[in-house]
Amino acid sequence: NEDLFIDLVDWEWCWRARSKGYKIFIDKRLTIMHMLGRGHKNFLFFKIGVPDPIRHYYQYRNSIILSRLNYVPVKWKLSRFIIHIFKLVFFLFYDQRLIRLKYAIKGIKDGLFNKTGKLI
């Protein structure tokens, strides 16, 4: 679904394919070198991925949009809700907190109104 633009498109594709009867396989022998924005930070007992601030927009928006779809697992919807609340609190104490908060709030708003596509 290219309307999601960047975040969670791979998850959505797999869930949609599975809902149509396809099987999804994971090959744990494969590795892809990938770094999320600014890497990961340890906070309490958690390892938190720190994206560039604009990615908060897509993560929050797309999570809300995906939470409405019947083929997205309920367990994922609930865990994503908790994770996003936790991350909002965490990023209030991290660098660029105001711009991160601005993108997250805009993502929440646009997700609630089902706005899709690229932000900029």
PDB file of N, CA and C in Angstrom:
ATOM      1  N   ASN A   1       0.850  -1.181   0.000  1.00  0.00           N
ATOM      2  CA  ASN A   1       0.000   0.000   0.000  1.00  0.00           C
ATOM      3  C   ASN A   1       0.889   1.235   0.000  1.00  0.00           C
ATOM      4  N   GLU A   2       1.122   1.776  -1.154  1.00  0.00           N
ATOM      5  CA  GLU A   2       2.026   2.929  -1.267  1.00  0.00           C
ATOM      6  C   GLU A   2       1.483   4.183  -0.590  1.00  0.00           C
ATOM      7  N   ASP A   3       0.211   4.195  -0.248  1.00  0.00           N
ATOM      8  CA  ASP A   3      -0.342   5.344   0.482  1.00  0.00           C
ATOM      9  C   ASP A   3       0.277   5.489   1.868  1.00  0.00           C
ATOM     10  N   LEU A   4       0.799   4.394   2.410  1.00  0.00           N
ATOM     11  CA  LEU A   4       1.463   4.465   3.713  1.00  0.00           C
ATOM     12  C   LEU A   4       2.829   5.135   3.580  1.00  0.00           C
ATOM     13  N   PHE A   5       3.366   5.140   2.402  1.00  0.00           N
ATOM     14  CA  PHE A   5       4.610   5.766   1.994  1.00  0.00           C
ATOM     15  C   PHE A   5       5.854   5.051   2.508  1.00  0.00           C
ATOM     16  N   ILE A   6       6.124   5.029   3.810  1.00  0.00           N
ATOM     17  CA  ILE A   6       7.431   4.525   4.203  1.00  0.00           C
ATOM     18  C   ILE A   6       7.408   3.556   5.377  1.00  0.00           C
ATOM     19  N   ASP A   7       6.706   3.844   6.418  1.00  0.00           N
ATOM     20  CA  ASP A   7       6.750   3.003   7.612  1.00  0.00           C
ATOM     21  C   ASP A   7       5.618   1.983   7.639  1.00  0.00           C
ATOM     22  N   LEU A   8       5.968   0.762   7.998  1.00  0.00           N
ATOM     23  CA  LEU A   8       5.044  -0.362   8.192  1.00  0.00           C
ATOM     24  C   LEU A   8       4.486  -0.930   6.893  1.00  0.00           C
ATOM     25  N   VAL A   9       5.021  -0.530   5.753  1.00  0.00           N
ATOM     26  CA  VAL A   9       4.516  -1.052   4.479  1.00  0.00           C
ATOM     27  C   VAL A   9       4.800  -2.546   4.331  1.00  0.00           C
ATOM     28  N   ASP A  10       5.936  -2.999   4.835  1.00  0.00           N
ATOM     29  CA  ASP A  10       6.273  -4.416   4.741  1.00  0.00           C
ATOM     30  C   ASP A  10       5.356  -5.262   5.628  1.00  0.00           C
ATOM     31  N   TRP A  11       5.056  -4.767   6.814  1.00  0.00           N
ATOM     32  CA  TRP A  11       4.146  -5.476   7.716  1.00  0.00           C
ATOM     33  C   TRP A  11       2.756  -5.567   7.084  1.00  0.00           C
ATOM     34  N   GLU A  12       2.278  -4.445   6.585  1.00  0.00           N
ATOM     35  CA  GLU A  12       0.939  -4.408   5.989  1.00  0.00           C
ATOM     36  C   GLU A  12       0.861  -5.380   4.816  1.00  0.00           C
ATOM     37  N   TRP A  13       1.889  -5.417   3.981  1.00  0.00           N
ATOM     38  CA  TRP A  13       1.895  -6.299   2.825  1.00  0.00           C
ATOM     39  C   TRP A  13       1.774  -7.754   3.263  1.00  0.00           C
ATOM     40  N   CYS A  14       2.555  -8.137   4.268  1.00  0.00           N
ATOM     41  CA  CYS A  14       2.523  -9.518   4.746  1.00  0.00           C
ATOM     42  C   CYS A  14       1.169  -9.878   5.345  1.00  0.00           C
ATOM     43  N   TRP A  15       0.607  -8.991   6.157  1.00  0.00           N
ATOM     44  CA  TRP A  15      -0.706  -9.275   6.748  1.00  0.00           C
ATOM     45  C   TRP A  15      -1.785  -9.386   5.677  1.00  0.00           C
ATOM     46  N   ARG A  16      -1.728  -8.517   4.684  1.00  0.00           N
ATOM     47  CA  ARG A  16      -2.722  -8.557   3.607  1.00  0.00           C
ATOM     48  C   ARG A  16      -2.573  -9.841   2.795  1.00  0.00           C
ATOM     49  N   ALA A  17      -1.330 -10.220   2.494  1.00  0.00           N
ATOM     50  CA  ALA A  17      -1.092 -11.460   1.748  1.00  0.00           C
ATOM     51  C   ALA A  17      -1.586 -12.663   2.547  1.00  0.00           C
ATOM     52  N   ARG A  18      -1.302 -12.674   3.853  1.00  0.00           N
ATOM     53  CA  ARG A  18      -1.753 -13.778   4.699  1.00  0.00           C
ATOM     54  C   ARG A  18      -3.286 -13.847   4.746  1.00  0.00           C
ATOM     55  N   SER A  19      -3.938 -12.672   4.740  1.00  0.00           N
ATOM     56  CA  SER A  19      -5.403 -12.654   4.775  1.00  0.00           C
ATOM     57  C   SER A  19      -6.007 -13.228   3.497  1.00  0.00           C
ATOM     58  N   LYS A  20      -5.208 -13.275   2.429  1.00  0.00           N
ATOM     59  CA  LYS A  20      -5.672 -13.827   1.152  1.00  0.00           C
ATOM     60  C   LYS A  20      -5.229 -15.283   0.968  1.00  0.00           C
ATOM     61  N   GLY A  21      -4.697 -15.872   2.053  1.00  0.00           N
ATOM     62  CA  GLY A  21      -4.350 -17.286   2.002  1.00  0.00           C
ATOM     63  C   GLY A  21      -2.892 -17.595   1.717  1.00  0.00           C
ATOM     64  N   TYR A  22      -2.074 -16.592   1.483  1.00  0.00           N
ATOM     65  CA  TYR A  22      -0.655 -16.839   1.234  1.00  0.00           C
ATOM     66  C   TYR A  22       0.060 -17.103   2.559  1.00  0.00           C
ATOM     67  N   LYS A  23       1.139 -17.861   2.483  1.00  0.00           N
ATOM     68  CA  LYS A  23       1.948 -18.129   3.661  1.00  0.00           C
ATOM     69  C   LYS A  23       3.163 -17.202   3.633  1.00  0.00           C
ATOM     70  N   ILE A  24       3.536 -16.730   4.792  1.00  0.00           N
ATOM     71  CA  ILE A  24       4.693 -15.839   4.930  1.00  0.00           C
ATOM     72  C   ILE A  24       5.791 -16.631   5.634  1.00  0.00           C
ATOM     73  N   PHE A  25       6.988 -16.590   5.086  1.00  0.00           N
ATOM     74  CA  PHE A  25       8.112 -17.314   5.663  1.00  0.00           C
ATOM     75  C   PHE A  25       9.228 -16.344   6.030  1.00  0.00           C
ATOM     76  N   ILE A  26       9.953 -16.694   7.059  1.00  0.00           N
ATOM     77  CA  ILE A  26      11.115 -15.913   7.484  1.00  0.00           C
ATOM     78  C   ILE A  26      12.332 -16.812   7.384  1.00  0.00           C
ATOM     79  N   ASP A  27      13.361 -16.339   6.715  1.00  0.00           N
ATOM     80  CA  ASP A  27      14.621 -17.074   6.632  1.00  0.00           C
ATOM     81  C   ASP A  27      15.610 -16.385   7.559  1.00  0.00           C
ATOM     82  N   LYS A  28      15.832 -16.968   8.715  1.00  0.00           N
ATOM     83  CA  LYS A  28      16.700 -16.360   9.728  1.00  0.00           C
ATOM     84  C   LYS A  28      18.181 -16.418   9.341  1.00  0.00           C
ATOM     85  N   ARG A  29      18.506 -17.100   8.257  1.00  0.00           N
ATOM     86  CA  ARG A  29      19.900 -17.143   7.794  1.00  0.00           C
ATOM     87  C   ARG A  29      20.285 -15.872   7.048  1.00  0.00           C
ATOM     88  N   LEU A  30      19.285 -15.128   6.590  1.00  0.00           N
ATOM     89  CA  LEU A  30      19.546 -13.908   5.840  1.00  0.00           C
ATOM     90  C   LEU A  30      19.733 -12.730   6.792  1.00  0.00           C
ATOM     91  N   THR A  31      20.629 -11.851   6.446  1.00  0.00           N
ATOM     92  CA  THR A  31      20.810 -10.633   7.227  1.00  0.00           C
ATOM     93  C   THR A  31      20.882  -9.441   6.287  1.00  0.00           C
ATOM     94  N   ILE A  32      20.368  -8.345   6.780  1.00  0.00           N
ATOM     95  CA  ILE A  32      20.427  -7.095   6.031  1.00  0.00           C
ATOM     96  C   ILE A  32      21.021  -6.062   6.973  1.00  0.00           C
ATOM     97  N   MET A  33      22.055  -5.416   6.549  1.00  0.00           N
ATOM     98  CA  MET A  33      22.649  -4.348   7.355  1.00  0.00           C
ATOM     99  C   MET A  33      21.754  -3.117   7.223  1.00  0.00           C
ATOM    100  N   HIS A  34      21.238  -2.669   8.346  1.00  0.00           N
ATOM    101  CA  HIS A  34      20.303  -1.555   8.331  1.00  0.00           C
ATOM    102  C   HIS A  34      20.438  -0.803   9.647  1.00  0.00           C
ATOM    103  N   MET A  35      20.431   0.512   9.569  1.00  0.00           N
ATOM    104  CA  MET A  35      20.478   1.290  10.790  1.00  0.00           C
ATOM    105  C   MET A  35      19.282   2.227  10.799  1.00  0.00           C
ATOM    106  N   LEU A  36      18.527   2.150  11.873  1.00  0.00           N
ATOM    107  CA  LEU A  36      17.354   2.988  12.022  1.00  0.00           C
ATOM    108  C   LEU A  36      17.787   4.389  12.414  1.00  0.00           C
ATOM    109  N   GLY A  37      17.652   5.331  11.518  1.00  0.00           N
ATOM    110  CA  GLY A  37      17.931   6.734  11.829  1.00  0.00           C
ATOM    111  C   GLY A  37      19.196   6.959  12.622  1.00  0.00           C
ATOM    112  N   ARG A  38      19.037   7.068  13.930  1.00  0.00           N
ATOM    113  CA  ARG A  38      20.165   7.357  14.812  1.00  0.00           C
ATOM    114  C   ARG A  38      20.521   6.181  15.702  1.00  0.00           C
ATOM    115  N   GLY A  39      20.098   5.001  15.306  1.00  0.00           N
ATOM    116  CA  GLY A  39      20.441   3.802  16.052  1.00  0.00           C
ATOM    117  C   GLY A  39      19.475   3.518  17.184  1.00  0.00           C
ATOM    118  N   HIS A  40      19.966   2.860  18.205  1.00  0.00           N
ATOM    119  CA  HIS A  40      19.153   2.476  19.353  1.00  0.00           C
ATOM    120  C   HIS A  40      19.750   3.034  20.636  1.00  0.00           C
ATOM    121  N   LYS A  41      18.882   3.332  21.576  1.00  0.00           N
ATOM    122  CA  LYS A  41      19.291   3.823  22.897  1.00  0.00           C
ATOM    123  C   LYS A  41      18.695   2.917  23.957  1.00  0.00           C
ATOM    124  N   ASN A  42      19.464   2.649  24.988  1.00  0.00           N
ATOM    125  CA  ASN A  42      18.959   1.877  26.115  1.00  0.00           C
ATOM    126  C   ASN A  42      18.256   2.821  27.076  1.00  0.00           C
ATOM    127  N   PHE A  43      17.060   2.433  27.488  1.00  0.00           N
ATOM    128  CA  PHE A  43      16.269   3.221  28.422  1.00  0.00           C
ATOM    129  C   PHE A  43      15.571   2.254  29.361  1.00  0.00           C
ATOM    130  N   LEU A  44      15.942   2.309  30.633  1.00  0.00           N
ATOM    131  CA  LEU A  44      15.455   1.364  31.636  1.00  0.00           C
ATOM    132  C   LEU A  44      15.777  -0.046  31.162  1.00  0.00           C
ATOM    133  N   PHE A  45      14.773  -0.859  30.905  1.00  0.00           N
ATOM    134  CA  PHE A  45      14.994  -2.246  30.477  1.00  0.00           C
ATOM    135  C   PHE A  45      14.747  -2.436  28.982  1.00  0.00           C
ATOM    136  N   PHE A  46      14.653  -1.336  28.254  1.00  0.00           N
ATOM    137  CA  PHE A  46      14.265  -1.412  26.850  1.00  0.00           C
ATOM    138  C   PHE A  46      15.352  -0.853  25.945  1.00  0.00           C
ATOM    139  N   LYS A  47      15.375  -1.356  24.720  1.00  0.00           N
ATOM    140  CA  LYS A  47      16.234  -0.829  23.666  1.00  0.00           C
ATOM    141  C   LYS A  47      15.298  -0.135  22.694  1.00  0.00           C
ATOM    142  N   ILE A  48      15.438   1.179  22.562  1.00  0.00           N
ATOM    143  CA  ILE A  48      14.489   1.966  21.776  1.00  0.00           C
ATOM    144  C   ILE A  48      15.160   2.479  20.502  1.00  0.00           C
ATOM    145  N   GLY A  49      14.514   2.206  19.363  1.00  0.00           N
ATOM    146  CA  GLY A  49      14.991   2.730  18.096  1.00  0.00           C
ATOM    147  C   GLY A  49      14.726   4.224  18.027  1.00  0.00           C
ATOM    148  N   VAL A  50      15.735   4.963  17.609  1.00  0.00           N
ATOM    149  CA  VAL A  50      15.617   6.424  17.534  1.00  0.00           C
ATOM    150  C   VAL A  50      15.653   6.851  16.067  1.00  0.00           C
ATOM    151  N   PRO A  51      14.483   7.107  15.504  1.00  0.00           N
ATOM    152  CA  PRO A  51      14.441   7.535  14.105  1.00  0.00           C
ATOM    153  C   PRO A  51      14.691   9.036  13.974  1.00  0.00           C
ATOM    154  N   ASP A  52      14.864   9.490  12.749  1.00  0.00           N
ATOM    155  CA  ASP A  52      14.869  10.925  12.514  1.00  0.00           C
ATOM    156  C   ASP A  52      13.480  11.445  12.871  1.00  0.00           C
ATOM    157  N   PRO A  53      13.368  12.674  13.326  1.00  0.00           N
ATOM    158  CA  PRO A  53      12.079  13.193  13.813  1.00  0.00           C
ATOM    159  C   PRO A  53      10.908  13.028  12.852  1.00  0.00           C
ATOM    160  N   ILE A  54      11.103  13.227  11.561  1.00  0.00           N
ATOM    161  CA  ILE A  54       9.981  13.143  10.614  1.00  0.00           C
ATOM    162  C   ILE A  54       9.370  11.738  10.573  1.00  0.00           C
ATOM    163  N   ARG A  55      10.158  10.734  10.905  1.00  0.00           N
ATOM    164  CA  ARG A  55       9.641   9.360  10.879  1.00  0.00           C
ATOM    165  C   ARG A  55       8.562   9.131  11.932  1.00  0.00           C
ATOM    166  N   HIS A  56       8.561   9.949  12.999  1.00  0.00           N
ATOM    167  CA  HIS A  56       7.500   9.824  13.999  1.00  0.00           C
ATOM    168  C   HIS A  56       6.138  10.055  13.341  1.00  0.00           C
ATOM    169  N   TYR A  57       6.086  10.979  12.411  1.00  0.00           N
ATOM    170  CA  TYR A  57       4.837  11.257  11.708  1.00  0.00           C
ATOM    171  C   TYR A  57       4.290   9.975  11.077  1.00  0.00           C
ATOM    172  N   TYR A  58       5.113   9.311  10.274  1.00  0.00           N
ATOM    173  CA  TYR A  58       4.677   8.124   9.553  1.00  0.00           C
ATOM    174  C   TYR A  58       4.402   6.955  10.493  1.00  0.00           C
ATOM    175  N   GLN A  59       5.205   6.801  11.533  1.00  0.00           N
ATOM    176  CA  GLN A  59       4.998   5.698  12.465  1.00  0.00           C
ATOM    177  C   GLN A  59       3.670   5.831  13.199  1.00  0.00           C
ATOM    178  N   TYR A  60       3.385   7.009  13.715  1.00  0.00           N
ATOM    179  CA  TYR A  60       2.122   7.213  14.434  1.00  0.00           C
ATOM    180  C   TYR A  60       0.932   7.168  13.479  1.00  0.00           C
ATOM    181  N   ARG A  61       1.033   7.873  12.362  1.00  0.00           N
ATOM    182  CA  ARG A  61      -0.069   7.900  11.401  1.00  0.00           C
ATOM    183  C   ARG A  61      -0.391   6.508  10.879  1.00  0.00           C
ATOM    184  N   ASN A  62       0.638   5.795  10.426  1.00  0.00           N
ATOM    185  CA  ASN A  62       0.398   4.495   9.818  1.00  0.00           C
ATOM    186  C   ASN A  62      -0.084   3.464  10.831  1.00  0.00           C
ATOM    187  N   SER A  63       0.370   3.559  12.064  1.00  0.00           N
ATOM    188  CA  SER A  63      -0.123   2.643  13.098  1.00  0.00           C
ATOM    189  C   SER A  63      -1.615   2.845  13.320  1.00  0.00           C
ATOM    190  N   ILE A  64      -2.049   4.091  13.336  1.00  0.00           N
ATOM    191  CA  ILE A  64      -3.481   4.372  13.511  1.00  0.00           C
ATOM    192  C   ILE A  64      -4.276   3.863  12.312  1.00  0.00           C
ATOM    193  N   ILE A  65      -3.774   4.120  11.118  1.00  0.00           N
ATOM    194  CA  ILE A  65      -4.465   3.656   9.909  1.00  0.00           C
ATOM    195  C   ILE A  65      -4.546   2.128   9.889  1.00  0.00           C
ATOM    196  N   LEU A  66      -3.444   1.459  10.207  1.00  0.00           N
ATOM    197  CA  LEU A  66      -3.435  -0.006  10.195  1.00  0.00           C
ATOM    198  C   LEU A  66      -4.316  -0.594  11.291  1.00  0.00           C
ATOM    199  N   SER A  67      -4.475   0.118  12.382  1.00  0.00           N
ATOM    200  CA  SER A  67      -5.284  -0.409  13.485  1.00  0.00           C
ATOM    201  C   SER A  67      -6.760  -0.559  13.098  1.00  0.00           C
ATOM    202  N   ARG A  68      -7.167   0.076  12.032  1.00  0.00           N
ATOM    203  CA  ARG A  68      -8.559  -0.038  11.561  1.00  0.00           C
ATOM    204  C   ARG A  68      -8.799  -1.251  10.653  1.00  0.00           C
ATOM    205  N   LEU A  69      -7.718  -1.864  10.204  1.00  0.00           N
ATOM    206  CA  LEU A  69      -7.855  -2.950   9.226  1.00  0.00           C
ATOM    207  C   LEU A  69      -8.096  -4.280   9.926  1.00  0.00           C
ATOM    208  N   ASN A  70      -9.066  -5.029   9.426  1.00  0.00           N
ATOM    209  CA  ASN A  70      -9.433  -6.279  10.091  1.00  0.00           C
ATOM    210  C   ASN A  70      -8.392  -7.380   9.944  1.00  0.00           C
ATOM    211  N   TYR A  71      -7.495  -7.297   8.967  1.00  0.00           N
ATOM    212  CA  TYR A  71      -6.482  -8.340   8.791  1.00  0.00           C
ATOM    213  C   TYR A  71      -5.206  -8.077   9.588  1.00  0.00           C
ATOM    214  N   VAL A  72      -5.145  -6.953  10.277  1.00  0.00           N
ATOM    215  CA  VAL A  72      -3.992  -6.654  11.133  1.00  0.00           C
ATOM    216  C   VAL A  72      -4.257  -7.295  12.496  1.00  0.00           C
ATOM    217  N   PRO A  73      -3.307  -8.079  13.011  1.00  0.00           N
ATOM    218  CA  PRO A  73      -3.516  -8.793  14.274  1.00  0.00           C
ATOM    219  C   PRO A  73      -3.810  -7.868  15.461  1.00  0.00           C
ATOM    220  N   VAL A  74      -4.786  -8.264  16.264  1.00  0.00           N
ATOM    221  CA  VAL A  74      -5.182  -7.484  17.442  1.00  0.00           C
ATOM    222  C   VAL A  74      -3.995  -7.332  18.400  1.00  0.00           C
ATOM    223  N   LYS A  75      -3.215  -8.384  18.550  1.00  0.00           N
ATOM    224  CA  LYS A  75      -2.041  -8.325  19.447  1.00  0.00           C
ATOM    225  C   LYS A  75      -1.088  -7.200  19.016  1.00  0.00           C
ATOM    226  N   TRP A  76      -0.872  -7.062  17.705  1.00  0.00           N
ATOM    227  CA  TRP A  76       0.002  -6.000  17.204  1.00  0.00           C
ATOM    228  C   TRP A  76      -0.615  -4.638  17.494  1.00  0.00           C
ATOM    229  N   LYS A  77      -1.917  -4.509  17.272  1.00  0.00           N
ATOM    230  CA  LYS A  77      -2.596  -3.233  17.509  1.00  0.00           C
ATOM    231  C   LYS A  77      -2.436  -2.796  18.965  1.00  0.00           C
ATOM    232  N   LEU A  78      -2.654  -3.705  19.885  1.00  0.00           N
ATOM    233  CA  LEU A  78      -2.535  -3.372  21.308  1.00  0.00           C
ATOM    234  C   LEU A  78      -1.088  -3.047  21.695  1.00  0.00           C
ATOM    235  N   SER A  79      -0.159  -3.867  21.240  1.00  0.00           N
ATOM    236  CA  SER A  79       1.247  -3.617  21.593  1.00  0.00           C
ATOM    237  C   SER A  79       1.741  -2.310  20.983  1.00  0.00           C
ATOM    238  N   ARG A  80       1.314  -2.013  19.774  1.00  0.00           N
ATOM    239  CA  ARG A  80       1.742  -0.770  19.117  1.00  0.00           C
ATOM    240  C   ARG A  80       1.210   0.448  19.867  1.00  0.00           C
ATOM    241  N   PHE A  81      -0.016   0.364  20.355  1.00  0.00           N
ATOM    242  CA  PHE A  81      -0.602   1.450  21.138  1.00  0.00           C
ATOM    243  C   PHE A  81       0.249   1.718  22.382  1.00  0.00           C
ATOM    244  N   ILE A  82       0.599   0.675  23.102  1.00  0.00           N
ATOM    245  CA  ILE A  82       1.411   0.818  24.312  1.00  0.00           C
ATOM    246  C   ILE A  82       2.799   1.335  23.981  1.00  0.00           C
ATOM    247  N   ILE A  83       3.412   0.789  22.944  1.00  0.00           N
ATOM    248  CA  ILE A  83       4.753   1.222  22.529  1.00  0.00           C
ATOM    249  C   ILE A  83       4.753   2.704  22.175  1.00  0.00           C
ATOM    250  N   HIS A  84       3.746   3.155  21.441  1.00  0.00           N
ATOM    251  CA  HIS A  84       3.724   4.561  21.018  1.00  0.00           C
ATOM    252  C   HIS A  84       3.506   5.516  22.190  1.00  0.00           C
ATOM    253  N   ILE A  85       2.738   5.121  23.174  1.00  0.00           N
ATOM    254  CA  ILE A  85       2.596   5.965  24.368  1.00  0.00           C
ATOM    255  C   ILE A  85       3.937   6.054  25.087  1.00  0.00           C
ATOM    256  N   PHE A  86       4.583   4.913  25.265  1.00  0.00           N
ATOM    257  CA  PHE A  86       5.884   4.863  25.927  1.00  0.00           C
ATOM    258  C   PHE A  86       6.911   5.720  25.175  1.00  0.00           C
ATOM    259  N   LYS A  87       6.926   5.601  23.850  1.00  0.00           N
ATOM    260  CA  LYS A  87       7.890   6.369  23.048  1.00  0.00           C
ATOM    261  C   LYS A  87       7.641   7.872  23.135  1.00  0.00           C
ATOM    262  N   LEU A  88       6.377   8.279  23.183  1.00  0.00           N
ATOM    263  CA  LEU A  88       6.086   9.707  23.332  1.00  0.00           C
ATOM    264  C   LEU A  88       6.720  10.251  24.610  1.00  0.00           C
ATOM    265  N   VAL A  89       6.585   9.503  25.686  1.00  0.00           N
ATOM    266  CA  VAL A  89       7.179   9.923  26.964  1.00  0.00           C
ATOM    267  C   VAL A  89       8.696   9.935  26.849  1.00  0.00           C
ATOM    268  N   PHE A  90       9.277   8.881  26.289  1.00  0.00           N
ATOM    269  CA  PHE A  90      10.731   8.792  26.143  1.00  0.00           C
ATOM    270  C   PHE A  90      11.280   9.974  25.340  1.00  0.00           C
ATOM    271  N   PHE A  91      10.651  10.271  24.213  1.00  0.00           N
ATOM    272  CA  PHE A  91      11.180  11.318  23.347  1.00  0.00           C
ATOM    273  C   PHE A  91      10.980  12.725  23.910  1.00  0.00           C
ATOM    274  N   LEU A  92      10.166  12.878  24.930  1.00  0.00           N
ATOM    275  CA  LEU A  92      10.059  14.174  25.603  1.00  0.00           C
ATOM    276  C   LEU A  92      11.351  14.520  26.339  1.00  0.00           C
ATOM    277  N   PHE A  93      12.186  13.511  26.574  1.00  0.00           N
ATOM    278  CA  PHE A  93      13.451  13.716  27.270  1.00  0.00           C
ATOM    279  C   PHE A  93      14.647  13.505  26.352  1.00  0.00           C
ATOM    280  N   TYR A  94      14.409  13.461  25.064  1.00  0.00           N
ATOM    281  CA  TYR A  94      15.476  13.208  24.099  1.00  0.00           C
ATOM    282  C   TYR A  94      15.712  14.462  23.261  1.00  0.00           C
ATOM    283  N   ASP A  95      16.701  14.431  22.382  1.00  0.00           N
ATOM    284  CA  ASP A  95      17.011  15.614  21.572  1.00  0.00           C
ATOM    285  C   ASP A  95      15.861  15.935  20.611  1.00  0.00           C
ATOM    286  N   GLN A  96      15.784  17.170  20.223  1.00  0.00           N
ATOM    287  CA  GLN A  96      14.772  17.668  19.286  1.00  0.00           C
ATOM    288  C   GLN A  96      13.359  17.319  19.744  1.00  0.00           C
ATOM    289  N   ARG A  97      13.121  17.396  21.040  1.00  0.00           N
ATOM    290  CA  ARG A  97      11.835  16.955  21.609  1.00  0.00           C
ATOM    291  C   ARG A  97      10.638  17.680  21.021  1.00  0.00           C
ATOM    292  N   LEU A  98      10.759  18.979  20.773  1.00  0.00           N
ATOM    293  CA  LEU A  98       9.597  19.710  20.257  1.00  0.00           C
ATOM    294  C   LEU A  98       9.251  19.320  18.825  1.00  0.00           C
ATOM    295  N   ILE A  99      10.270  19.166  18.006  1.00  0.00           N
ATOM    296  CA  ILE A  99       9.997  18.774  16.616  1.00  0.00           C
ATOM    297  C   ILE A  99       9.497  17.328  16.560  1.00  0.00           C
ATOM    298  N   ARG A 100      10.023  16.464  17.415  1.00  0.00           N
ATOM    299  CA  ARG A 100       9.543  15.080  17.479  1.00  0.00           C
ATOM    300  C   ARG A 100       8.073  15.050  17.898  1.00  0.00           C
ATOM    301  N   LEU A 101       7.745  15.836  18.915  1.00  0.00           N
ATOM    302  CA  LEU A 101       6.369  15.902  19.400  1.00  0.00           C
ATOM    303  C   LEU A 101       5.442  16.465  18.328  1.00  0.00           C
ATOM    304  N   LYS A 102       5.914  17.480  17.609  1.00  0.00           N
ATOM    305  CA  LYS A 102       5.119  18.080  16.532  1.00  0.00           C
ATOM    306  C   LYS A 102       4.784  17.043  15.459  1.00  0.00           C
ATOM    307  N   TYR A 103       5.785  16.271  15.030  1.00  0.00           N
ATOM    308  CA  TYR A 103       5.544  15.255  14.008  1.00  0.00           C
ATOM    309  C   TYR A 103       4.629  14.146  14.525  1.00  0.00           C
ATOM    310  N   ALA A 104       4.818  13.726  15.775  1.00  0.00           N
ATOM    311  CA  ALA A 104       3.973  12.666  16.345  1.00  0.00           C
ATOM    312  C   ALA A 104       2.524  13.136  16.420  1.00  0.00           C
ATOM    313  N   ILE A 105       2.297  14.351  16.887  1.00  0.00           N
ATOM    314  CA  ILE A 105       0.926  14.875  17.002  1.00  0.00           C
ATOM    315  C   ILE A 105       0.282  15.013  15.623  1.00  0.00           C
ATOM    316  N   LYS A 106       1.036  15.508  14.661  1.00  0.00           N
ATOM    317  CA  LYS A 106       0.492  15.617  13.299  1.00  0.00           C
ATOM    318  C   LYS A 106       0.177  14.230  12.745  1.00  0.00           C
ATOM    319  N   GLY A 107       1.045  13.249  13.025  1.00  0.00           N
ATOM    320  CA  GLY A 107       0.800  11.882  12.574  1.00  0.00           C
ATOM    321  C   GLY A 107      -0.452  11.296  13.202  1.00  0.00           C
ATOM    322  N   ILE A 108      -0.652  11.560  14.494  1.00  0.00           N
ATOM    323  CA  ILE A 108      -1.852  11.079  15.181  1.00  0.00           C
ATOM    324  C   ILE A 108      -3.091  11.710  14.553  1.00  0.00           C
ATOM    325  N   LYS A 109      -3.040  13.030  14.348  1.00  0.00           N
ATOM    326  CA  LYS A 109      -4.175  13.743  13.754  1.00  0.00           C
ATOM    327  C   LYS A 109      -4.486  13.221  12.354  1.00  0.00           C
ATOM    328  N   ASP A 110      -3.457  13.116  11.510  1.00  0.00           N
ATOM    329  CA  ASP A 110      -3.679  12.652  10.138  1.00  0.00           C
ATOM    330  C   ASP A 110      -4.123  11.190  10.115  1.00  0.00           C
ATOM    331  N   GLY A 111      -3.627  10.382  11.056  1.00  0.00           N
ATOM    332  CA  GLY A 111      -4.075   8.996  11.146  1.00  0.00           C
ATOM    333  C   GLY A 111      -5.547   8.913  11.495  1.00  0.00           C
ATOM    334  N   LEU A 112      -5.986   9.741  12.422  1.00  0.00           N
ATOM    335  CA  LEU A 112      -7.397   9.752  12.812  1.00  0.00           C
ATOM    336  C   LEU A 112      -8.297  10.173  11.651  1.00  0.00           C
ATOM    337  N   PHE A 113      -7.776  11.071  10.794  1.00  0.00           N
ATOM    338  CA  PHE A 113      -8.540  11.529   9.632  1.00  0.00           C
ATOM    339  C   PHE A 113      -8.214  10.742   8.366  1.00  0.00           C
ATOM    340  N   ASN A 114      -7.442   9.672   8.543  1.00  0.00           N
ATOM    341  CA  ASN A 114      -7.121   8.751   7.435  1.00  0.00           C
ATOM    342  C   ASN A 114      -6.383   9.414   6.277  1.00  0.00           C
ATOM    343  N   LYS A 115      -5.560  10.389   6.585  1.00  0.00           N
ATOM    344  CA  LYS A 115      -4.776  11.057   5.554  1.00  0.00           C
ATOM    345  C   LYS A 115      -3.547  10.210   5.254  1.00  0.00           C
ATOM    346  N   THR A 116      -3.304   9.933   3.996  1.00  0.00           N
ATOM    347  CA  THR A 116      -2.180   9.089   3.611  1.00  0.00           C
ATOM    348  C   THR A 116      -1.257   9.821   2.655  1.00  0.00           C
ATOM    349  N   GLY A 117      -0.219   9.133   2.202  1.00  0.00           N
ATOM    350  CA  GLY A 117       0.727   9.695   1.257  1.00  0.00           C
ATOM    351  C   GLY A 117       1.924  10.330   1.931  1.00  0.00           C
ATOM    352  N   LYS A 118       2.770  10.887   1.116  1.00  0.00           N
ATOM    353  CA  LYS A 118       4.000  11.523   1.589  1.00  0.00           C
ATOM    354  C   LYS A 118       3.670  12.857   2.223  1.00  0.00           C
ATOM    355  N   LEU A 119       4.309  13.166   3.332  1.00  0.00           N
ATOM    356  CA  LEU A 119       4.049  14.423   4.050  1.00  0.00           C
ATOM    357  C   LEU A 119       4.597  15.615   3.291  1.00  0.00           C
ATOM    358  N   ILE A 120       5.811  15.507   2.846  1.00  0.00           N
ATOM    359  CA  ILE A 120       6.461  16.669   2.198  1.00  0.00           C
ATOM    360  C   ILE A 120       6.563  16.459   0.710  1.00  0.00           C
TER     361      ILE A 120
END
